[in-house]
PDB file of N, CA and C in Angstrom:
ATOM      1  N   MET A   1      91.909  86.400  80.948  1.00  0.00           N
ATOM      2  CA  MET A   1      92.024  85.837  82.272  1.00  0.00           C
ATOM      3  C   MET A   1      92.680  86.861  83.189  1.00  0.00           C
ATOM      4  N   SER A   2      92.228  86.939  84.373  1.00  0.00           N
ATOM      5  CA  SER A   2      92.854  87.785  85.386  1.00  0.00           C
ATOM      6  C   SER A   2      93.014  86.960  86.650  1.00  0.00           C
ATOM      7  N   MET A   3      93.749  87.519  87.586  1.00  0.00           N
ATOM      8  CA  MET A   3      94.031  86.789  88.820  1.00  0.00           C
ATOM      9  C   MET A   3      93.826  87.720  90.004  1.00  0.00           C
ATOM     10  N   THR A   4      93.294  87.174  91.059  1.00  0.00           N
ATOM     11  CA  THR A   4      93.158  87.901  92.308  1.00  0.00           C
ATOM     12  C   THR A   4      94.096  87.252  93.311  1.00  0.00           C
ATOM     13  N   LEU A   5      94.884  88.067  93.959  1.00  0.00           N
ATOM     14  CA  LEU A   5      95.844  87.574  94.942  1.00  0.00           C
ATOM     15  C   LEU A   5      95.304  87.880  96.330  1.00  0.00           C
ATOM     16  N   ASP A   6      95.145  86.858  97.134  1.00  0.00           N
ATOM     17  CA  ASP A   6      94.614  87.017  98.481  1.00  0.00           C
ATOM     18  C   ASP A   6      95.782  87.152  99.451  1.00  0.00           C
ATOM     19  N   ILE A   7      95.947  88.349  99.992  1.00  0.00           N
ATOM     20  CA  ILE A   7      97.035  88.621 100.933  1.00  0.00           C
ATOM     21  C   ILE A   7      96.416  88.829 102.306  1.00  0.00           C
ATOM     22  N   PRO A   8      96.873  88.075 103.296  1.00  0.00           N
ATOM     23  CA  PRO A   8      96.294  88.218 104.643  1.00  0.00           C
ATOM     24  C   PRO A   8      96.382  89.661 105.155  1.00  0.00           C
ATOM     25  N   GLU A   9      95.358  90.072 105.845  1.00  0.00           N
ATOM     26  CA  GLU A   9      95.280  91.436 106.372  1.00  0.00           C
ATOM     27  C   GLU A   9      96.482  91.775 107.245  1.00  0.00           C
ATOM     28  N   GLU A  10      96.966  90.800 108.027  1.00  0.00           N
ATOM     29  CA  GLU A  10      98.116  91.044 108.889  1.00  0.00           C
ATOM     30  C   GLU A  10      99.362  91.383 108.070  1.00  0.00           C
ATOM     31  N   VAL A  11      99.499  90.733 106.930  1.00  0.00           N
ATOM     32  CA  VAL A  11     100.633  91.004 106.053  1.00  0.00           C
ATOM     33  C   VAL A  11     100.486  92.396 105.436  1.00  0.00           C
ATOM     34  N   LEU A  12      99.300  92.707 104.944  1.00  0.00           N
ATOM     35  CA  LEU A  12      99.061  94.038 104.370  1.00  0.00           C
ATOM     36  C   LEU A  12      99.327  95.138 105.396  1.00  0.00           C
ATOM     37  N   ALA A  13      98.868  94.917 106.615  1.00  0.00           N
ATOM     38  CA  ALA A  13      99.055  95.916 107.668  1.00  0.00           C
ATOM     39  C   ALA A  13     100.526  96.116 108.001  1.00  0.00           C
ATOM     40  N   ALA A  14     101.354  95.108 107.750  1.00  0.00           N
ATOM     41  CA  ALA A  14     102.787  95.208 108.047  1.00  0.00           C
ATOM     42  C   ALA A  14     103.549  96.007 106.995  1.00  0.00           C
ATOM     43  N   ILE A  15     102.914  96.254 105.855  1.00  0.00           N
ATOM     44  CA  ILE A  15     103.568  97.034 104.793  1.00  0.00           C
ATOM     45  C   ILE A  15     103.437  98.508 105.155  1.00  0.00           C
ATOM     46  N   PRO A  16     104.568  99.201 105.341  1.00  0.00           N
ATOM     47  CA  PRO A  16     104.523 100.591 105.800  1.00  0.00           C
ATOM     48  C   PRO A  16     104.160 101.586 104.687  1.00  0.00           C
ATOM     49  N   VAL A  17     102.992 101.360 104.104  1.00  0.00           N
ATOM     50  CA  VAL A  17     102.483 102.212 103.029  1.00  0.00           C
ATOM     51  C   VAL A  17     101.032 102.515 103.370  1.00  0.00           C
ATOM     52  N   PRO A  18     100.578 103.742 103.153  1.00  0.00           N
ATOM     53  CA  PRO A  18      99.165 104.044 103.445  1.00  0.00           C
ATOM     54  C   PRO A  18      98.240 103.068 102.716  1.00  0.00           C
ATOM     55  N   GLU A  19      97.165 102.701 103.362  1.00  0.00           N
ATOM     56  CA  GLU A  19      96.223 101.726 102.801  1.00  0.00           C
ATOM     57  C   GLU A  19      95.785 102.112 101.392  1.00  0.00           C
ATOM     58  N   SER A  20      95.563 103.385 101.153  1.00  0.00           N
ATOM     59  CA  SER A  20      95.111 103.841  99.834  1.00  0.00           C
ATOM     60  C   SER A  20      96.166 103.641  98.746  1.00  0.00           C
ATOM     61  N   GLU A  21      97.417 103.439  99.124  1.00  0.00           N
ATOM     62  CA  GLU A  21      98.522 103.277  98.174  1.00  0.00           C
ATOM     63  C   GLU A  21      98.972 101.826  98.015  1.00  0.00           C
ATOM     64  N   ARG A  22      98.456 100.931  98.826  1.00  0.00           N
ATOM     65  CA  ARG A  22      98.990  99.557  98.866  1.00  0.00           C
ATOM     66  C   ARG A  22      98.869  98.813  97.543  1.00  0.00           C
ATOM     67  N   GLU A  23      97.719  98.860  96.902  1.00  0.00           N
ATOM     68  CA  GLU A  23      97.567  98.113  95.649  1.00  0.00           C
ATOM     69  C   GLU A  23      98.550  98.614  94.598  1.00  0.00           C
ATOM     70  N   ARG A  24      98.648  99.925  94.437  1.00  0.00           N
ATOM     71  CA  ARG A  24      99.570 100.494  93.462  1.00  0.00           C
ATOM     72  C   ARG A  24     101.005 100.091  93.798  1.00  0.00           C
ATOM     73  N   TYR A  25     101.337 100.179  95.078  1.00  0.00           N
ATOM     74  CA  TYR A  25     102.681  99.823  95.543  1.00  0.00           C
ATOM     75  C   TYR A  25     103.007  98.362  95.236  1.00  0.00           C
ATOM     76  N   LEU A  26     102.093  97.460  95.580  1.00  0.00           N
ATOM     77  CA  LEU A  26     102.329  96.035  95.367  1.00  0.00           C
ATOM     78  C   LEU A  26     102.406  95.688  93.885  1.00  0.00           C
ATOM     79  N   ARG A  27     101.560  96.309  93.064  1.00  0.00           N
ATOM     80  CA  ARG A  27     101.622  96.057  91.618  1.00  0.00           C
ATOM     81  C   ARG A  27     102.969  96.492  91.063  1.00  0.00           C
ATOM     82  N   LEU A  28     103.461  97.631  91.516  1.00  0.00           N
ATOM     83  CA  LEU A  28     104.759  98.116  91.058  1.00  0.00           C
ATOM     84  C   LEU A  28     105.882  97.197  91.518  1.00  0.00           C
ATOM     85  N   GLU A  29     105.840  96.760  92.763  1.00  0.00           N
ATOM     86  CA  GLU A  29     106.876  95.865  93.286  1.00  0.00           C
ATOM     87  C   GLU A  29     106.905  94.541  92.527  1.00  0.00           C
ATOM     88  N   ILE A  30     105.736  93.984  92.270  1.00  0.00           N
ATOM     89  CA  ILE A  30     105.665  92.723  91.529  1.00  0.00           C
ATOM     90  C   ILE A  30     106.171  92.923  90.104  1.00  0.00           C
ATOM     91  N   ALA A  31     105.752  94.010  89.474  1.00  0.00           N
ATOM     92  CA  ALA A  31     106.182  94.285  88.103  1.00  0.00           C
ATOM     93  C   ALA A  31     107.694  94.445  88.024  1.00  0.00           C
ATOM     94  N   CYS A  32     108.281  95.183  88.953  1.00  0.00           N
ATOM     95  CA  CYS A  32     109.734  95.373  88.960  1.00  0.00           C
ATOM     96  C   CYS A  32     110.464  94.054  89.181  1.00  0.00           C
ATOM     97  N   SER A  33     109.955  93.251  90.088  1.00  0.00           N
ATOM     98  CA  SER A  33     110.581  91.965  90.379  1.00  0.00           C
ATOM     99  C   SER A  33     110.542  91.044  89.159  1.00  0.00           C
ATOM    100  N   LEU A  34     109.408  90.972  88.497  1.00  0.00           N
ATOM    101  CA  LEU A  34     109.289  90.111  87.323  1.00  0.00           C
ATOM    102  C   LEU A  34     110.132  90.632  86.158  1.00  0.00           C
ATOM    103  N   TYR A  35     110.214  91.956  86.022  1.00  0.00           N
ATOM    104  CA  TYR A  35     111.061  92.525  84.976  1.00  0.00           C
ATOM    105  C   TYR A  35     112.538  92.245  85.270  1.00  0.00           C
ATOM    106  N   LEU A  36     112.941  92.421  86.514  1.00  0.00           N
ATOM    107  CA  LEU A  36     114.318  92.167  86.916  1.00  0.00           C
ATOM    108  C   LEU A  36     114.733  90.739  86.584  1.00  0.00           C
ATOM    109  N   ARG A  37     113.838  89.802  86.789  1.00  0.00           N
ATOM    110  CA  ARG A  37     114.125  88.388  86.537  1.00  0.00           C
ATOM    111  C   ARG A  37     113.911  88.007  85.075  1.00  0.00           C
ATOM    112  N   ASP A  38     113.626  89.013  84.229  1.00  0.00           N
ATOM    113  CA  ASP A  38     113.415  88.817  82.790  1.00  0.00           C
ATOM    114  C   ASP A  38     112.234  87.884  82.503  1.00  0.00           C
ATOM    115  N   LEU A  39     111.223  87.940  83.381  1.00  0.00           N
ATOM    116  CA  LEU A  39     110.014  87.149  83.189  1.00  0.00           C
ATOM    117  C   LEU A  39     108.928  87.948  82.484  1.00  0.00           C
ATOM    118  N   LEU A  40     109.049  89.281  82.513  1.00  0.00           N
ATOM    119  CA  LEU A  40     108.143  90.159  81.777  1.00  0.00           C
ATOM    120  C   LEU A  40     108.959  91.172  80.999  1.00  0.00           C
ATOM    121  N   SER A  41     108.454  91.530  79.834  1.00  0.00           N
ATOM    122  CA  SER A  41     109.073  92.601  79.059  1.00  0.00           C
ATOM    123  C   SER A  41     108.789  93.933  79.750  1.00  0.00           C
ATOM    124  N   LEU A  42     109.480  94.970  79.320  1.00  0.00           N
ATOM    125  CA  LEU A  42     109.249  96.299  79.880  1.00  0.00           C
ATOM    126  C   LEU A  42     107.796  96.715  79.695  1.00  0.00           C
ATOM    127  N   GLY A  43     107.257  96.477  78.506  1.00  0.00           N
ATOM    128  CA  GLY A  43     105.878  96.870  78.220  1.00  0.00           C
ATOM    129  C   GLY A  43     104.864  96.143  79.085  1.00  0.00           C
ATOM    130  N   LYS A  44     105.039  94.831  79.235  1.00  0.00           N
ATOM    131  CA  LYS A  44     104.103  94.053  80.048  1.00  0.00           C
ATOM    132  C   LYS A  44     104.253  94.387  81.530  1.00  0.00           C
ATOM    133  N   ALA A  45     105.478  94.618  81.981  1.00  0.00           N
ATOM    134  CA  ALA A  45     105.689  95.009  83.375  1.00  0.00           C
ATOM    135  C   ALA A  45     105.062  96.379  83.634  1.00  0.00           C
ATOM    136  N   ALA A  46     105.202  97.289  82.680  1.00  0.00           N
ATOM    137  CA  ALA A  46     104.582  98.612  82.814  1.00  0.00           C
ATOM    138  C   ALA A  46     103.067  98.478  82.907  1.00  0.00           C
ATOM    139  N   GLU A  47     102.516  97.603  82.077  1.00  0.00           N
ATOM    140  CA  GLU A  47     101.068  97.364  82.099  1.00  0.00           C
ATOM    141  C   GLU A  47     100.631  96.829  83.467  1.00  0.00           C
ATOM    142  N   LEU A  48     101.374  95.875  84.000  1.00  0.00           N
ATOM    143  CA  LEU A  48     101.060  95.332  85.322  1.00  0.00           C
ATOM    144  C   LEU A  48     101.129  96.421  86.390  1.00  0.00           C
ATOM    145  N   ALA A  49     102.125  97.286  86.295  1.00  0.00           N
ATOM    146  CA  ALA A  49     102.303  98.362  87.273  1.00  0.00           C
ATOM    147  C   ALA A  49     101.287  99.486  87.099  1.00  0.00           C
ATOM    148  N   GLY A  50     100.607  99.502  85.953  1.00  0.00           N
ATOM    149  CA  GLY A  50      99.653 100.580  85.694  1.00  0.00           C
ATOM    150  C   GLY A  50     100.336 101.879  85.313  1.00  0.00           C
ATOM    151  N   LEU A  51     101.526 101.761  84.701  1.00  0.00           N
ATOM    152  CA  LEU A  51     102.301 102.930  84.296  1.00  0.00           C
ATOM    153  C   LEU A  51     102.545 102.906  82.797  1.00  0.00           C
ATOM    154  N   SER A  52     102.890 104.055  82.245  1.00  0.00           N
ATOM    155  CA  SER A  52     103.317 104.093  80.849  1.00  0.00           C
ATOM    156  C   SER A  52     104.689 103.427  80.760  1.00  0.00           C
ATOM    157  N   ARG A  53     105.076 103.023  79.568  1.00  0.00           N
ATOM    158  CA  ARG A  53     106.401 102.428  79.389  1.00  0.00           C
ATOM    159  C   ARG A  53     107.483 103.403  79.836  1.00  0.00           C
ATOM    160  N   MET A  54     107.288 104.677  79.522  1.00  0.00           N
ATOM    161  CA  MET A  54     108.277 105.692  79.882  1.00  0.00           C
ATOM    162  C   MET A  54     108.388 105.817  81.403  1.00  0.00           C
ATOM    163  N   ASP A  55     107.262 105.909  82.088  1.00  0.00           N
ATOM    164  CA  ASP A  55     107.292 106.046  83.549  1.00  0.00           C
ATOM    165  C   ASP A  55     107.849 104.797  84.218  1.00  0.00           C
ATOM    166  N   PHE A  56     107.502 103.618  83.690  1.00  0.00           N
ATOM    167  CA  PHE A  56     108.047 102.398  84.261  1.00  0.00           C
ATOM    168  C   PHE A  56     109.553 102.328  84.003  1.00  0.00           C
ATOM    169  N   GLY A  57     109.979 102.747  82.814  1.00  0.00           N
ATOM    170  CA  GLY A  57     111.408 102.787  82.513  1.00  0.00           C
ATOM    171  C   GLY A  57     112.165 103.690  83.474  1.00  0.00           C
ATOM    172  N   LYS A  58     111.566 104.817  83.827  1.00  0.00           N
ATOM    173  CA  LYS A  58     112.191 105.716  84.809  1.00  0.00           C
ATOM    174  C   LYS A  58     112.298 105.033  86.172  1.00  0.00           C
ATOM    175  N   GLU A  59     111.236 104.346  86.560  1.00  0.00           N
ATOM    176  CA  GLU A  59     111.230 103.632  87.846  1.00  0.00           C
ATOM    177  C   GLU A  59     112.320 102.565  87.860  1.00  0.00           C
ATOM    178  N   VAL A  60     112.437 101.822  86.783  1.00  0.00           N
ATOM    179  CA  VAL A  60     113.466 100.792  86.660  1.00  0.00           C
ATOM    180  C   VAL A  60     114.854 101.427  86.808  1.00  0.00           C
ATOM    181  N   GLY A  61     115.054 102.551  86.141  1.00  0.00           N
ATOM    182  CA  GLY A  61     116.337 103.247  86.220  1.00  0.00           C
ATOM    183  C   GLY A  61     116.641 103.738  87.628  1.00  0.00           C
ATOM    184  N   GLU A  62     115.639 104.300  88.288  1.00  0.00           N
ATOM    185  CA  GLU A  62     115.836 104.799  89.650  1.00  0.00           C
ATOM    186  C   GLU A  62     116.181 103.678  90.624  1.00  0.00           C
ATOM    187  N   ARG A  63     115.710 102.482  90.333  1.00  0.00           N
ATOM    188  CA  ARG A  63     115.988 101.328  91.197  1.00  0.00           C
ATOM    189  C   ARG A  63     117.292 100.630  90.820  1.00  0.00           C
ATOM    190  N   GLY A  64     117.931 101.087  89.755  1.00  0.00           N
ATOM    191  CA  GLY A  64     119.183 100.471  89.330  1.00  0.00           C
ATOM    192  C   GLY A  64     118.998  99.102  88.688  1.00  0.00           C
ATOM    193  N   ILE A  65     117.803  98.851  88.181  1.00  0.00           N
ATOM    194  CA  ILE A  65     117.528  97.574  87.512  1.00  0.00           C
ATOM    195  C   ILE A  65     118.026  97.677  86.073  1.00  0.00           C
ATOM    196  N   PRO A  66     118.876  96.758  85.648  1.00  0.00           N
ATOM    197  CA  PRO A  66     119.386  96.814  84.274  1.00  0.00           C
ATOM    198  C   PRO A  66     118.256  96.645  83.262  1.00  0.00           C
ATOM    199  N   ARG A  67     118.326  97.434  82.199  1.00  0.00           N
ATOM    200  CA  ARG A  67     117.334  97.325  81.130  1.00  0.00           C
ATOM    201  C   ARG A  67     117.627  96.108  80.273  1.00  0.00           C
ATOM    202  N   HIS A  68     116.583  95.418  79.862  1.00  0.00           N
ATOM    203  CA  HIS A  68     116.695  94.288  78.944  1.00  0.00           C
ATOM    204  C   HIS A  68     116.422  94.852  77.554  1.00  0.00           C
ATOM    205  N   TYR A  69     117.431  94.862  76.729  1.00  0.00           N
ATOM    206  CA  TYR A  69     117.281  95.461  75.408  1.00  0.00           C
ATOM    207  C   TYR A  69     118.018  94.579  74.414  1.00  0.00           C
ATOM    208  N   THR A  70     117.250  93.834  73.645  1.00  0.00           N
ATOM    209  CA  THR A  70     117.850  92.872  72.731  1.00  0.00           C
ATOM    210  C   THR A  70     118.213  93.543  71.408  1.00  0.00           C
ATOM    211  N   GLU A  71     118.999  92.846  70.635  1.00  0.00           N
ATOM    212  CA  GLU A  71     119.354  93.338  69.300  1.00  0.00           C
ATOM    213  C   GLU A  71     118.107  93.494  68.434  1.00  0.00           C
ATOM    214  N   GLU A  72     117.144  92.596  68.595  1.00  0.00           N
ATOM    215  CA  GLU A  72     115.900  92.688  67.826  1.00  0.00           C
ATOM    216  C   GLU A  72     115.125  93.960  68.200  1.00  0.00           C
ATOM    217  N   GLU A  73     115.107  94.291  69.486  1.00  0.00           N
ATOM    218  CA  GLU A  73     114.422  95.514  69.914  1.00  0.00           C
ATOM    219  C   GLU A  73     115.136  96.743  69.360  1.00  0.00           C
ATOM    220  N   LEU A  74     116.458  96.724  69.355  1.00  0.00           N
ATOM    221  CA  LEU A  74     117.214  97.830  68.778  1.00  0.00           C
ATOM    222  C   LEU A  74     116.889  97.980  67.306  1.00  0.00           C
ATOM    223  N   ALA A  75     116.884  96.876  66.571  1.00  0.00           N
ATOM    224  CA  ALA A  75     116.573  96.928  65.141  1.00  0.00           C
ATOM    225  C   ALA A  75     115.164  97.470  64.911  1.00  0.00           C
ATOM    226  N   SER A  76     114.225  97.037  65.738  1.00  0.00           N
ATOM    227  CA  SER A  76     112.853  97.518  65.626  1.00  0.00           C
ATOM    228  C   SER A  76     112.768  99.007  65.926  1.00  0.00           C
ATOM    229  N   ASP A  77     113.458  99.459  66.956  1.00  0.00           N
ATOM    230  CA  ASP A  77     113.450 100.884  67.301  1.00  0.00           C
ATOM    231  C   ASP A  77     114.094 101.725  66.218  1.00  0.00           C
ATOM    232  N   LEU A  78     115.183 101.240  65.657  1.00  0.00           N
ATOM    233  CA  LEU A  78     115.842 101.974  64.581  1.00  0.00           C
ATOM    234  C   LEU A  78     114.954 102.054  63.346  1.00  0.00           C
ATOM    235  N   ALA A  79     114.285 100.961  63.013  1.00  0.00           N
ATOM    236  CA  ALA A  79     113.372 100.956  61.875  1.00  0.00           C
ATOM    237  C   ALA A  79     112.230 101.944  62.119  1.00  0.00           C
ATOM    238  N   TYR A  80     111.710 101.961  63.318  1.00  0.00           N
ATOM    239  CA  TYR A  80     110.646 102.893  63.669  1.00  0.00           C
ATOM    240  C   TYR A  80     111.118 104.342  63.524  1.00  0.00           C
ATOM    241  N   ALA A  81     112.338 104.615  63.998  1.00  0.00           N
ATOM    242  CA  ALA A  81     112.898 105.972  63.932  1.00  0.00           C
ATOM    243  C   ALA A  81     113.091 106.403  62.484  1.00  0.00           C
ATOM    244  N   ARG A  82     113.384 105.443  61.603  1.00  0.00           N
ATOM    245  CA  ARG A  82     113.556 105.747  60.170  1.00  0.00           C
ATOM    246  C   ARG A  82     112.217 105.833  59.454  1.00  0.00           C
ATOM    247  N   GLY A  83     111.132 105.552  60.125  1.00  0.00           N
ATOM    248  CA  GLY A  83     109.808 105.620  59.523  1.00  0.00           C
ATOM    249  C   GLY A  83     109.438 104.372  58.744  1.00  0.00           C
ATOM    250  N   GLU A  84     110.104 103.280  59.041  1.00  0.00           N
ATOM    251  CA  GLU A  84     109.830 102.019  58.322  1.00  0.00           C
ATOM    252  C   GLU A  84     108.779 101.204  59.014  1.00  0.00           C
TER     253      GLU A  84
END
């Protein structure tokens, strides 16, 4: 399933971003907002933004958005690092 968001032209025109950049900009803004509110994981927010997890993580850091990192994610990352 996918979704199309209908944004009035007047609203789009009010966004001070070149027209060619608007979709990318809006996807990133929505992804950051949903990640900030802990409604999307880093991976899913990165997917929505059209960025790699690493690039989205950098964007989150530059915006001062706290990372959501659970104990389960730490355990999974440590297991991965050990080759398990």
